Every structure is written in structure tokens, then in C-alpha cells.
Protein backbone atom coordinates (compact mmCIF):
# COMPACT_ATOMS: atom_id res chain seq x y z
CA MET A 1 -9.72 22.67 -29.71
CA LYS A 2 -7.99 19.89 -31.59
CA TRP A 3 -5.18 19.76 -28.96
CA LEU A 4 -7.69 19.71 -26.13
CA LEU A 5 -9.46 16.70 -27.63
CA ARG A 6 -6.14 14.93 -28.15
CA GLY A 7 -5.17 15.65 -24.54
CA ILE A 8 -8.48 14.28 -23.25
CA PHE A 9 -8.14 11.21 -25.47
CA LEU A 10 -4.56 10.66 -24.26
CA ILE A 11 -5.63 10.87 -20.59
CA PHE A 12 -8.49 8.45 -21.23
CA PHE A 13 -6.14 6.08 -23.09
CA ILE A 14 -3.57 6.11 -20.25
CA PHE A 15 -6.31 5.49 -17.67
CA ALA A 16 -7.72 2.60 -19.74
CA ALA A 17 -4.22 1.11 -20.12
CA ILE A 18 -3.62 1.26 -16.35
CA VAL A 19 -7.03 -0.32 -15.63
CA THR A 20 -6.33 -3.06 -18.17
CA ALA A 21 -2.87 -3.74 -16.71
CA GLY A 22 -4.40 -3.81 -13.21
CA TYR A 23 -6.91 -6.43 -14.30
CA PHE A 24 -4.04 -8.82 -15.00
CA VAL A 25 -2.19 -8.17 -11.71
CA ALA A 26 -2.93 -10.71 -8.96
CA PRO A 27 -5.75 -9.59 -6.63
CA ILE A 28 -3.66 -10.56 -3.59
CA GLN A 29 -0.29 -9.09 -2.69
CA SER A 30 1.92 -11.75 -1.18
CA ILE A 31 5.09 -10.87 0.71
CA GLU A 32 7.37 -13.65 1.95
CA ARG A 33 10.54 -12.93 3.91
CA SER A 34 12.78 -14.87 6.28
CA ILE A 35 15.64 -14.31 8.68
CA ASP A 36 17.96 -16.48 10.78
CA ILE A 37 17.99 -15.63 14.47
CA ALA A 38 20.55 -16.85 17.01
CA ALA A 39 17.94 -17.76 19.64
CA TYR A 40 15.75 -20.66 20.70
CA PRO A 41 12.13 -20.90 19.52
CA GLU A 42 10.93 -20.09 23.05
CA ASP A 43 12.94 -16.84 22.93
CA VAL A 44 11.36 -15.72 19.64
CA PHE A 45 7.80 -16.99 20.09
CA PRO A 46 6.68 -14.43 22.72
CA PHE A 47 7.37 -11.60 20.27
CA ILE A 48 5.11 -13.05 17.58
CA ASN A 49 2.40 -14.47 19.87
CA ASP A 50 1.56 -11.25 21.73
CA LEU A 51 0.24 -8.25 19.79
CA GLN A 52 1.69 -5.81 22.32
CA ALA A 53 5.16 -7.35 21.86
CA TYR A 54 4.41 -7.57 18.12
CA SER A 55 4.36 -3.77 18.10
CA GLN A 56 8.11 -3.73 18.77
CA TRP A 57 8.93 -5.15 15.36
CA SER A 58 5.89 -5.51 13.04
CA PRO A 59 5.96 -3.46 9.82
CA LEU A 60 2.35 -2.40 10.44
CA TYR A 61 3.16 -0.45 13.58
CA ALA A 62 5.50 1.86 11.69
CA GLN A 63 2.50 2.76 9.49
CA ILE A 64 0.18 3.51 12.43
CA ALA A 65 2.62 4.97 14.97
CA ASP A 66 0.38 7.98 15.68
CA ALA A 67 -2.87 5.99 16.10
CA GLN A 68 -4.79 5.29 19.29
CA ILE A 69 -4.42 1.57 19.99
CA VAL A 70 -6.60 -0.65 22.18
CA TYR A 71 -5.76 -4.27 23.08
CA GLY A 72 -8.32 -6.85 24.14
CA GLY A 73 -9.33 -10.48 24.18
CA ALA A 74 -6.87 -13.06 25.43
CA GLU A 75 -3.67 -12.10 27.27
CA SER A 76 -1.69 -13.50 24.31
CA GLY A 77 -2.13 -16.09 21.59
CA ASN A 78 -5.47 -17.21 20.13
CA GLY A 79 -8.14 -14.58 20.55
CA GLN A 80 -5.91 -11.64 21.42
CA THR A 81 -7.08 -8.53 19.55
CA MET A 82 -5.86 -5.07 18.78
CA ALA A 83 -7.68 -2.17 17.14
CA TRP A 84 -6.52 1.28 16.12
CA GLN A 85 -7.94 4.50 14.78
CA GLY A 86 -6.79 7.98 14.02
CA SER A 87 -3.65 7.17 12.08
CA ALA A 88 -2.53 9.74 9.55
CA GLY A 89 -0.80 6.97 7.57
CA ALA A 90 -2.09 4.67 4.87
CA TYR A 91 -4.40 2.85 7.29
CA PRO A 92 -6.46 5.32 9.37
CA PHE A 93 -8.26 2.48 11.19
CA GLY A 94 -8.17 -1.28 11.48
CA SER A 95 -7.74 -4.30 13.70
CA GLN A 96 -5.73 -7.46 14.23
CA GLU A 97 -6.59 -10.77 15.85
CA ILE A 98 -4.45 -13.82 16.47
CA ILE A 99 -6.53 -16.61 14.95
CA GLN A 100 -4.07 -19.52 15.23
CA SER A 101 -1.12 -20.16 17.47
CA GLN A 102 1.02 -23.24 18.03
CA ASP A 103 3.49 -22.81 20.90
CA GLY A 104 7.02 -22.30 19.60
CA GLU A 105 6.05 -23.03 15.99
CA PHE A 106 3.76 -20.50 14.30
CA VAL A 107 1.22 -17.71 14.69
CA GLN A 108 -1.39 -16.53 12.21
CA VAL A 109 -2.87 -13.05 12.47
CA LYS A 110 -6.00 -11.80 10.71
CA VAL A 111 -5.72 -8.10 9.86
CA ASN A 112 -8.24 -5.47 8.78
CA LEU A 113 -6.40 -2.61 7.07
CA SER A 114 -9.04 0.09 6.77
CA GLY A 115 -11.45 -2.34 5.13
CA SER A 116 -8.92 -4.50 3.26
CA THR A 117 -8.40 -8.02 4.58
CA ALA A 118 -4.95 -9.46 5.18
CA THR A 119 -3.36 -12.39 6.95
CA ALA A 120 0.12 -12.61 8.39
CA THR A 121 1.66 -15.99 9.18
CA HIS A 122 4.90 -16.31 11.11
CA ALA A 123 6.65 -19.68 11.40
CA ILE A 124 9.65 -20.57 13.56
CA LEU A 125 11.87 -23.34 12.20
CA PRO A 126 14.90 -24.63 14.15
CA LEU A 127 18.15 -24.54 12.17
CA GLU A 128 19.70 -27.93 11.46
CA ASN A 129 22.90 -27.07 13.30
CA GLY A 130 20.96 -26.08 16.43
CA ALA A 131 22.46 -22.58 16.39
CA GLY A 132 19.12 -20.79 16.24
CA VAL A 133 15.97 -20.55 14.22
CA THR A 134 14.70 -19.28 10.91
CA VAL A 135 11.62 -17.10 11.12
CA LEU A 136 9.49 -17.18 7.99
CA THR A 137 6.84 -14.53 7.57
CA LYS A 138 4.18 -14.42 4.88
CA SER A 139 1.66 -11.67 4.47
CA GLU A 140 -1.24 -11.78 2.03
CA ILE A 141 -3.22 -8.60 1.45
CA GLU A 142 -6.39 -8.41 -0.63
CA LEU A 143 -6.17 -5.61 -3.15
CA GLY A 144 -9.03 -3.51 -4.44
CA GLY A 145 -11.19 -4.46 -7.38
CA PHE A 146 -12.34 -2.29 -10.25
CA PRO A 147 -10.84 -0.01 -11.42
CA TYR A 148 -7.82 -2.09 -10.30
CA LEU A 149 -5.70 0.97 -9.54
CA ASP A 150 -4.66 -0.39 -6.10
CA ARG A 151 -3.22 -3.45 -7.81
CA VAL A 152 -1.02 -1.36 -10.10
CA ARG A 153 0.05 0.98 -7.29
CA THR A 154 0.95 -1.98 -5.06
CA LYS A 155 2.91 -3.69 -7.82
CA LEU A 156 4.91 -0.51 -8.38
CA ARG A 157 5.69 -0.30 -4.64
CA GLN A 158 6.59 -4.00 -4.14
CA SER A 159 10.26 -3.29 -3.41
CA TRP A 160 9.22 -0.76 -0.73
CA PHE A 161 7.01 -3.38 0.94
CA ASP A 162 9.82 -5.95 0.78
CA GLU A 163 12.20 -3.47 2.42
CA GLN A 164 9.70 -2.72 5.21
CA PHE A 165 9.32 -6.43 5.96
CA ASP A 166 13.10 -6.96 5.88
CA GLN A 167 13.57 -4.10 8.35
CA SER A 168 10.88 -5.50 10.64
CA LEU A 169 12.54 -8.93 10.69
CA VAL A 170 15.87 -7.30 11.57
CA ARG A 171 14.09 -5.64 14.53
CA LEU A 172 12.64 -9.04 15.53
CA LYS A 173 16.13 -10.57 15.30
CA THR A 174 17.61 -7.83 17.49
CA ILE A 175 15.01 -8.01 20.24
CA SER A 176 14.92 -11.84 20.21
CA GLU A 177 18.69 -12.16 20.44
CA ASN A 178 18.84 -9.54 23.20
CA TYR A 179 16.06 -11.38 25.06
CA ALA A 180 17.90 -14.72 24.64
CA GLY A 181 21.15 -13.18 25.87
CA GLY A 182 19.58 -11.44 28.86
């Protein structure tokens, strides 16, 4: 009986320690990545300003590859929407909407990830030598509140998220450079 009580106390102590650590982790996960692309802004912009083209490189689409997707709203740019459901991944349902777009410069996307709010901002900056552009992407995802377990889990998986965003930017680089060359 003594060992059982110690085991229960230990489990409770570990849970309380994780909850306490989660309280001190930022409530928003921020991921910032960048890549240089040998293309003009007008070659890259269509791939970040159209949610259907966005699917060719965005890290989200790898997470919802098996979902049913519906596009709506504007043809591209401000007001274009996308919704999905039925994904077996981390986000079984959700939506995206382009809320800001400046031709050849930046796009901001509002995302609903199964009830969690996120924003993704993509900026295109010409390189000083004129040999291409730098694409900066920043994603901010609201993490769950009490008991703060999502915050701890996300912090532990930060390198995985960074890798997913790096891979997505490599895909954007490849399709943009192929588009510019063709």
C-alpha cells in the first residue's frame, strides 16, 4: 500500500511540475524562417497569394493531406478562403483566409487549426544584388490554456516544427525557381 501511495504521489508531482512549467512557457508559438530564392517577386508572389497554389508548399498541407478541401471567396488574394475536414492528422478540421495582401510584397493568412487560432505572414524582400528575393515567413499559433500541457508539448517539438517550415520553404524555392525559369 505504501508503494501505491508513493506511486500516486509521484504521478501527481510530475503532472504538477509539467503544469507549472507550462504556465511559464509563452502562450503563442512563433516560428520564423527565411530562404533566398533566385526569382523575381512576381514569380514568387502567386504561390503565396493563392491558397490553391499555397497547397504546393505550405507546411499545413502535409498535415491535412487526406482531408476534404473546399476553396471559396476571392479568386486569389484578400478574401480567398479554404476549409478542410476529415483529416486524420493533428488538425481534423479548420480553415484559412487571406486577410491582407500587397502585390509582390507580403501576404497574411488567418488560420483556424481545429479551434486554435494562428496567423501566417509571408514577406518577399528583393536581394540587394538583384539576384532574387528573400522570403520571410512567420507563423504565430495560439497554444492552449490550463492545464498548459499543449505549451509544454509544443516546446518539446519546436525543432520538428522548424524542420517542417524549412522543408516547406525549400518546396517554395523549387517551384518558384522552376516557374521563373519556365
